[in-house]
Amino acid sequence: MHTSTGSGNSSISTVVTTRGKWVRAEPVAALYAQGKVRHAIGLTALEDEMCAFGVDGISDGHSPDRVDALVWAVSELNAPARPRPRVRSLGDPAIPPWSVMSVFR
């Protein structure tokens, strides 16, 4: 996944699919079944598309763009946290003092 940040606080991620829509949607459907995903008011177009989504990956004869975006978003939000890079200082307990002292000898 590639993320780029535009102006403001929003970002756009481009993705490449390797599996079909139905297969990608299955883990997200399980989160719905567990009650872990809820919708805000005003997403009727998304909900209509979800109701029409079939095993062939088509929704009312067209590609379900809203459902596809929802699946990618929920998958990304549910992904395990990635460790962030750290910068260690000389006072970091992960760096033993003897290793720093040997550099100055």
C-alpha atoms as a PDB file:
ATOM      1  CA  MET A   1       0.000   0.000   0.000  1.00  0.00           C
ATOM      2  CA  HIS A   2       1.326   3.433  -0.894  1.00  0.00           C
ATOM      3  CA  THR A   3       0.138   6.442   1.080  1.00  0.00           C
ATOM      4  CA  SER A   4       0.564  10.041   0.074  1.00  0.00           C
ATOM      5  CA  THR A   5      -0.575  13.059   2.007  1.00  0.00           C
ATOM      6  CA  GLY A   6      -2.197  15.931   0.221  1.00  0.00           C
ATOM      7  CA  SER A   7      -2.964  19.331   1.663  1.00  0.00           C
ATOM      8  CA  GLY A   8      -4.669  19.199   5.035  1.00  0.00           C
ATOM      9  CA  ASN A   9      -4.922  16.110   7.190  1.00  0.00           C
ATOM     10  CA  SER A  10      -6.203  13.649   4.592  1.00  0.00           C
ATOM     11  CA  SER A  11      -4.184  10.991   2.838  1.00  0.00           C
ATOM     12  CA  ILE A  12      -4.749   8.856  -0.230  1.00  0.00           C
ATOM     13  CA  SER A  13      -3.575   5.265  -0.457  1.00  0.00           C
ATOM     14  CA  THR A  14      -3.234   3.393  -3.708  1.00  0.00           C
ATOM     15  CA  VAL A  15      -3.537  -0.381  -3.542  1.00  0.00           C
ATOM     16  CA  VAL A  16      -3.065  -3.330  -5.864  1.00  0.00           C
ATOM     17  CA  THR A  17      -5.481  -6.234  -5.561  1.00  0.00           C
ATOM     18  CA  THR A  18      -4.256  -9.806  -5.494  1.00  0.00           C
ATOM     19  CA  ARG A  19      -7.531 -11.483  -4.463  1.00  0.00           C
ATOM     20  CA  GLY A  20     -11.135 -11.171  -5.571  1.00  0.00           C
ATOM     21  CA  LYS A  21     -13.550  -8.743  -3.918  1.00  0.00           C
ATOM     22  CA  TRP A  22     -15.566 -11.478  -2.239  1.00  0.00           C
ATOM     23  CA  VAL A  23     -12.443 -13.036  -0.679  1.00  0.00           C
ATOM     24  CA  ARG A  24     -11.191  -9.631   0.520  1.00  0.00           C
ATOM     25  CA  ALA A  25     -14.613  -8.869   2.009  1.00  0.00           C
ATOM     26  CA  GLU A  26     -14.895 -12.080   4.074  1.00  0.00           C
ATOM     27  CA  PRO A  27     -12.743 -10.930   7.058  1.00  0.00           C
ATOM     28  CA  VAL A  28     -14.600  -7.613   7.133  1.00  0.00           C
ATOM     29  CA  ALA A  29     -17.950  -9.439   7.036  1.00  0.00           C
ATOM     30  CA  ALA A  30     -16.759 -11.419  10.080  1.00  0.00           C
ATOM     31  CA  LEU A  31     -16.078  -8.147  11.920  1.00  0.00           C
ATOM     32  CA  TYR A  32     -19.643  -7.049  11.130  1.00  0.00           C
ATOM     33  CA  ALA A  33     -20.963 -10.388  12.440  1.00  0.00           C
ATOM     34  CA  GLN A  34     -19.035  -9.845  15.683  1.00  0.00           C
ATOM     35  CA  GLY A  35     -20.549  -6.370  16.071  1.00  0.00           C
ATOM     36  CA  LYS A  36     -17.158  -4.650  15.715  1.00  0.00           C
ATOM     37  CA  VAL A  37     -18.167  -2.392  12.796  1.00  0.00           C
ATOM     38  CA  ARG A  38     -20.981   0.163  12.825  1.00  0.00           C
ATOM     39  CA  HIS A  39     -22.093   2.828  10.371  1.00  0.00           C
ATOM     40  CA  ALA A  40     -22.724   6.493  10.896  1.00  0.00           C
ATOM     41  CA  ILE A  41     -26.011   7.967   9.724  1.00  0.00           C
ATOM     42  CA  GLY A  42     -26.121   8.958   6.056  1.00  0.00           C
ATOM     43  CA  LEU A  43     -24.397   5.992   4.410  1.00  0.00           C
ATOM     44  CA  THR A  44     -27.487   4.650   2.655  1.00  0.00           C
ATOM     45  CA  ALA A  45     -25.764   4.407  -0.755  1.00  0.00           C
ATOM     46  CA  LEU A  46     -23.039   2.243   0.810  1.00  0.00           C
ATOM     47  CA  GLU A  47     -25.584   0.090   2.636  1.00  0.00           C
ATOM     48  CA  ASP A  48     -27.645  -0.380  -0.546  1.00  0.00           C
ATOM     49  CA  GLU A  49     -24.494  -1.461  -2.388  1.00  0.00           C
ATOM     50  CA  MET A  50     -23.621  -3.870   0.442  1.00  0.00           C
ATOM     51  CA  CYS A  51     -27.064  -5.478   0.285  1.00  0.00           C
ATOM     52  CA  ALA A  52     -26.749  -6.005  -3.479  1.00  0.00           C
ATOM     53  CA  PHE A  53     -23.145  -7.323  -3.317  1.00  0.00           C
ATOM     54  CA  GLY A  54     -22.994 -10.850  -4.748  1.00  0.00           C
ATOM     55  CA  VAL A  55     -20.493 -13.705  -4.730  1.00  0.00           C
ATOM     56  CA  ASP A  56     -19.504 -12.690  -8.254  1.00  0.00           C
ATOM     57  CA  GLY A  57     -18.161  -9.395  -6.845  1.00  0.00           C
ATOM     58  CA  ILE A  58     -20.850  -7.370  -8.627  1.00  0.00           C
ATOM     59  CA  SER A  59     -23.460  -5.110  -7.064  1.00  0.00           C
ATOM     60  CA  ASP A  60     -26.557  -4.426  -9.190  1.00  0.00           C
ATOM     61  CA  GLY A  61     -24.596  -5.065 -12.380  1.00  0.00           C
ATOM     62  CA  HIS A  62     -21.616  -2.829 -11.597  1.00  0.00           C
ATOM     63  CA  SER A  63     -18.416  -2.885  -9.558  1.00  0.00           C
ATOM     64  CA  PRO A  64     -19.182  -2.053  -5.914  1.00  0.00           C
ATOM     65  CA  ASP A  65     -16.795   0.873  -5.448  1.00  0.00           C
ATOM     66  CA  ARG A  66     -18.162   1.900  -2.051  1.00  0.00           C
ATOM     67  CA  VAL A  67     -18.009  -1.645  -0.693  1.00  0.00           C
ATOM     68  CA  ASP A  68     -14.484  -2.043  -2.067  1.00  0.00           C
ATOM     69  CA  ALA A  69     -13.358   1.196  -0.368  1.00  0.00           C
ATOM     70  CA  LEU A  70     -15.030   0.096   2.876  1.00  0.00           C
ATOM     71  CA  VAL A  71     -13.242  -3.278   2.784  1.00  0.00           C
ATOM     72  CA  TRP A  72      -9.847  -1.618   2.252  1.00  0.00           C
ATOM     73  CA  ALA A  73     -10.485   0.971   4.991  1.00  0.00           C
ATOM     74  CA  VAL A  74     -11.718  -1.521   7.599  1.00  0.00           C
ATOM     75  CA  SER A  75      -8.864  -3.899   6.746  1.00  0.00           C
ATOM     76  CA  GLU A  76      -6.304  -1.122   7.190  1.00  0.00           C
ATOM     77  CA  LEU A  77      -7.850   0.048  10.462  1.00  0.00           C
ATOM     78  CA  ASN A  78      -7.958  -3.525  11.765  1.00  0.00           C
ATOM     79  CA  ALA A  79      -4.379  -4.385  10.735  1.00  0.00           C
ATOM     80  CA  PRO A  80      -1.836  -4.972  13.505  1.00  0.00           C
ATOM     81  CA  ALA A  81       0.058  -1.854  14.501  1.00  0.00           C
ATOM     82  CA  ARG A  82       3.360  -1.480  12.724  1.00  0.00           C
ATOM     83  CA  PRO A  83       6.342  -0.522  14.860  1.00  0.00           C
ATOM     84  CA  ARG A  84       7.469   3.041  14.294  1.00  0.00           C
ATOM     85  CA  PRO A  85      11.139   3.867  13.745  1.00  0.00           C
ATOM     86  CA  ARG A  86      12.913   5.084  16.854  1.00  0.00           C
ATOM     87  CA  VAL A  87      15.908   7.300  17.413  1.00  0.00           C
ATOM     88  CA  ARG A  88      17.912   6.253  20.428  1.00  0.00           C
ATOM     89  CA  SER A  89      19.756   8.753  22.552  1.00  0.00           C
ATOM     90  CA  LEU A  90      22.788   8.168  24.726  1.00  0.00           C
ATOM     91  CA  GLY A  91      20.486   8.058  27.748  1.00  0.00           C
ATOM     92  CA  ASP A  92      18.348   5.284  26.257  1.00  0.00           C
ATOM     93  CA  PRO A  93      18.251   2.246  28.584  1.00  0.00           C
ATOM     94  CA  ALA A  94      18.355   0.000  25.508  1.00  0.00           C
ATOM     95  CA  ILE A  95      21.953   1.161  24.903  1.00  0.00           C
ATOM     96  CA  PRO A  96      24.181  -0.087  27.718  1.00  0.00           C
ATOM     97  CA  PRO A  97      26.564   2.611  29.042  1.00  0.00           C
ATOM     98  CA  TRP A  98      29.610   0.373  28.555  1.00  0.00           C
ATOM     99  CA  SER A  99      28.993   0.245  24.767  1.00  0.00           C
ATOM    100  CA  VAL A 100      28.993   4.043  24.572  1.00  0.00           C
ATOM    101  CA  MET A 101      32.117   4.321  26.690  1.00  0.00           C
ATOM    102  CA  SER A 102      34.049   1.898  24.468  1.00  0.00           C
ATOM    103  CA  VAL A 103      33.540   4.251  21.524  1.00  0.00           C
ATOM    104  CA  PHE A 104      35.389   7.061  23.327  1.00  0.00           C
ATOM    105  CA  ARG A 105      38.464   5.035  24.275  1.00  0.00           C
END
